[in-house]
Amino acid sequence: MRDTCPIPKLTNYSASVTRGIHTLYVFCEMEKYIDNVNQFIYKGIQQNAVILVIETKEVIANLKKRVASSGLTEKQLSQINFKENLTFTSVA
């Protein structure tokens, strides 16, 4: 089995964060995925990063609920940008 690197662990490498990082995250269990993305968002906010999450409407709705209950301030919540994946994949 190949080694994996959970999303939250990626935020521990400051070189990646200062250069910027794009992450493709493949998953099988939705609840674990939501947990990991929520942790990724929280860690990014702690580092004063702007967060971009590109996902389906359904996943965005779940993430917004989870993030809203995580105790972040309104200012911190404003650092999170949720975009629907179809916005980035559709051809005009």
C-alpha atoms as a PDB file:
ATOM      1  CA  MET A   1       0.000   0.000   0.000  1.00  0.00           C
ATOM      2  CA  ARG A   2       1.304   3.490  -0.867  1.00  0.00           C
ATOM      3  CA  ASP A   3       1.915   6.107   1.774  1.00  0.00           C
ATOM      4  CA  THR A   4      -0.673   8.838   2.002  1.00  0.00           C
ATOM      5  CA  CYS A   5      -0.464  12.367   3.297  1.00  0.00           C
ATOM      6  CA  PRO A   6      -3.651  13.664   4.940  1.00  0.00           C
ATOM      7  CA  ILE A   7      -4.661  17.195   3.987  1.00  0.00           C
ATOM      8  CA  PRO A   8      -4.017  18.603   7.482  1.00  0.00           C
ATOM      9  CA  LYS A   9      -0.438  17.300   7.366  1.00  0.00           C
ATOM     10  CA  LEU A  10       0.198  19.281   4.182  1.00  0.00           C
ATOM     11  CA  THR A  11      -0.429  22.515   6.051  1.00  0.00           C
ATOM     12  CA  ASN A  12       2.440  21.683   8.425  1.00  0.00           C
ATOM     13  CA  TYR A  13       4.966  22.238   5.652  1.00  0.00           C
ATOM     14  CA  SER A  14       5.435  25.980   5.593  1.00  0.00           C
ATOM     15  CA  ALA A  15       7.373  25.854   2.305  1.00  0.00           C
ATOM     16  CA  SER A  16       4.280  24.493   0.566  1.00  0.00           C
ATOM     17  CA  VAL A  17       2.004  27.034   2.178  1.00  0.00           C
ATOM     18  CA  THR A  18       4.183  30.047   1.385  1.00  0.00           C
ATOM     19  CA  ARG A  19       4.518  28.951  -2.260  1.00  0.00           C
ATOM     20  CA  GLY A  20       0.835  28.117  -2.488  1.00  0.00           C
ATOM     21  CA  ILE A  21      -0.469  24.637  -2.951  1.00  0.00           C
ATOM     22  CA  HIS A  22      -3.130  22.886  -4.978  1.00  0.00           C
ATOM     23  CA  THR A  23      -4.464  19.633  -3.585  1.00  0.00           C
ATOM     24  CA  LEU A  24      -6.395  16.875  -5.317  1.00  0.00           C
ATOM     25  CA  TYR A  25      -8.042  14.778  -2.663  1.00  0.00           C
ATOM     26  CA  VAL A  26      -9.530  11.413  -3.632  1.00  0.00           C
ATOM     27  CA  PHE A  27     -11.832   9.812  -1.080  1.00  0.00           C
ATOM     28  CA  CYS A  28     -14.257   6.953  -0.482  1.00  0.00           C
ATOM     29  CA  GLU A  29     -16.053   8.029   2.688  1.00  0.00           C
ATOM     30  CA  MET A  30     -17.884  11.363   2.566  1.00  0.00           C
ATOM     31  CA  GLU A  31     -17.900  11.957   6.327  1.00  0.00           C
ATOM     32  CA  LYS A  32     -14.127  11.472   6.597  1.00  0.00           C
ATOM     33  CA  TYR A  33     -13.647  13.766   3.612  1.00  0.00           C
ATOM     34  CA  ILE A  34     -15.780  16.483   5.213  1.00  0.00           C
ATOM     35  CA  ASP A  35     -13.793  16.090   8.457  1.00  0.00           C
ATOM     36  CA  ASN A  36     -10.467  16.417   6.620  1.00  0.00           C
ATOM     37  CA  VAL A  37     -11.521  19.428   4.566  1.00  0.00           C
ATOM     38  CA  ASN A  38     -12.848  21.087   7.711  1.00  0.00           C
ATOM     39  CA  GLN A  39      -9.463  20.527   9.399  1.00  0.00           C
ATOM     40  CA  PHE A  40      -7.676  21.854   6.317  1.00  0.00           C
ATOM     41  CA  ILE A  41      -9.836  24.987   6.381  1.00  0.00           C
ATOM     42  CA  TYR A  42      -9.272  25.493  10.101  1.00  0.00           C
ATOM     43  CA  LYS A  43      -5.482  25.079   9.788  1.00  0.00           C
ATOM     44  CA  GLY A  44      -5.414  27.499   6.855  1.00  0.00           C
ATOM     45  CA  ILE A  45      -7.397  30.073   8.797  1.00  0.00           C
ATOM     46  CA  GLN A  46      -4.948  29.737  11.705  1.00  0.00           C
ATOM     47  CA  GLN A  47      -2.166  30.584   9.237  1.00  0.00           C
ATOM     48  CA  ASN A  48      -4.171  33.578   7.962  1.00  0.00           C
ATOM     49  CA  ALA A  49      -4.521  32.013   4.503  1.00  0.00           C
ATOM     50  CA  VAL A  50      -7.316  32.606   2.058  1.00  0.00           C
ATOM     51  CA  ILE A  51      -9.059  29.286   1.416  1.00  0.00           C
ATOM     52  CA  LEU A  52     -10.604  28.225  -1.891  1.00  0.00           C
ATOM     53  CA  VAL A  53     -12.784  25.118  -1.872  1.00  0.00           C
ATOM     54  CA  ILE A  54     -14.105  23.913  -5.231  1.00  0.00           C
ATOM     55  CA  GLU A  55     -16.786  21.280  -4.752  1.00  0.00           C
ATOM     56  CA  THR A  56     -20.317  20.181  -5.602  1.00  0.00           C
ATOM     57  CA  LYS A  57     -23.325  22.068  -4.207  1.00  0.00           C
ATOM     58  CA  GLU A  58     -24.049  19.220  -1.823  1.00  0.00           C
ATOM     59  CA  VAL A  59     -20.530  19.052  -0.403  1.00  0.00           C
ATOM     60  CA  ILE A  60     -20.373  22.846  -0.084  1.00  0.00           C
ATOM     61  CA  ALA A  61     -23.622  22.800   1.910  1.00  0.00           C
ATOM     62  CA  ASN A  62     -22.196  20.145   4.260  1.00  0.00           C
ATOM     63  CA  LEU A  63     -18.910  22.018   4.641  1.00  0.00           C
ATOM     64  CA  LYS A  64     -20.638  25.327   5.358  1.00  0.00           C
ATOM     65  CA  LYS A  65     -22.648  23.691   8.143  1.00  0.00           C
ATOM     66  CA  ARG A  66     -19.534  22.106   9.621  1.00  0.00           C
ATOM     67  CA  VAL A  67     -17.432  25.270   9.352  1.00  0.00           C
ATOM     68  CA  ALA A  68     -20.206  27.418  10.830  1.00  0.00           C
ATOM     69  CA  SER A  69     -20.212  25.251  13.959  1.00  0.00           C
ATOM     70  CA  SER A  70     -16.420  25.281  14.364  1.00  0.00           C
ATOM     71  CA  GLY A  71     -16.249  28.534  16.337  1.00  0.00           C
ATOM     72  CA  LEU A  72     -14.619  30.725  13.685  1.00  0.00           C
ATOM     73  CA  THR A  73     -15.284  34.469  13.715  1.00  0.00           C
ATOM     74  CA  GLU A  74     -17.096  36.262  10.891  1.00  0.00           C
ATOM     75  CA  LYS A  75     -13.776  37.682   9.725  1.00  0.00           C
ATOM     76  CA  GLN A  76     -12.243  34.205   9.619  1.00  0.00           C
ATOM     77  CA  LEU A  77     -15.274  32.820   7.807  1.00  0.00           C
ATOM     78  CA  SER A  78     -14.833  35.537   5.172  1.00  0.00           C
ATOM     79  CA  GLN A  79     -11.416  34.019   4.308  1.00  0.00           C
ATOM     80  CA  ILE A  80     -13.160  30.904   2.976  1.00  0.00           C
ATOM     81  CA  ASN A  81     -14.265  30.960  -0.656  1.00  0.00           C
ATOM     82  CA  PHE A  82     -16.614  28.182  -1.735  1.00  0.00           C
ATOM     83  CA  LYS A  83     -17.054  27.756  -5.478  1.00  0.00           C
ATOM     84  CA  GLU A  84     -19.212  25.243  -7.256  1.00  0.00           C
ATOM     85  CA  ASN A  85     -17.151  22.808  -9.317  1.00  0.00           C
ATOM     86  CA  LEU A  86     -19.321  23.275 -12.410  1.00  0.00           C
ATOM     87  CA  THR A  87     -18.198  26.912 -12.495  1.00  0.00           C
ATOM     88  CA  PHE A  88     -14.645  25.723 -13.164  1.00  0.00           C
ATOM     89  CA  THR A  89     -15.399  22.807 -15.466  1.00  0.00           C
ATOM     90  CA  SER A  90     -18.031  24.207 -17.809  1.00  0.00           C
ATOM     91  CA  VAL A  91     -17.069  25.523 -21.196  1.00  0.00           C
ATOM     92  CA  ALA A  92     -18.728  28.712 -22.347  1.00  0.00           C
END
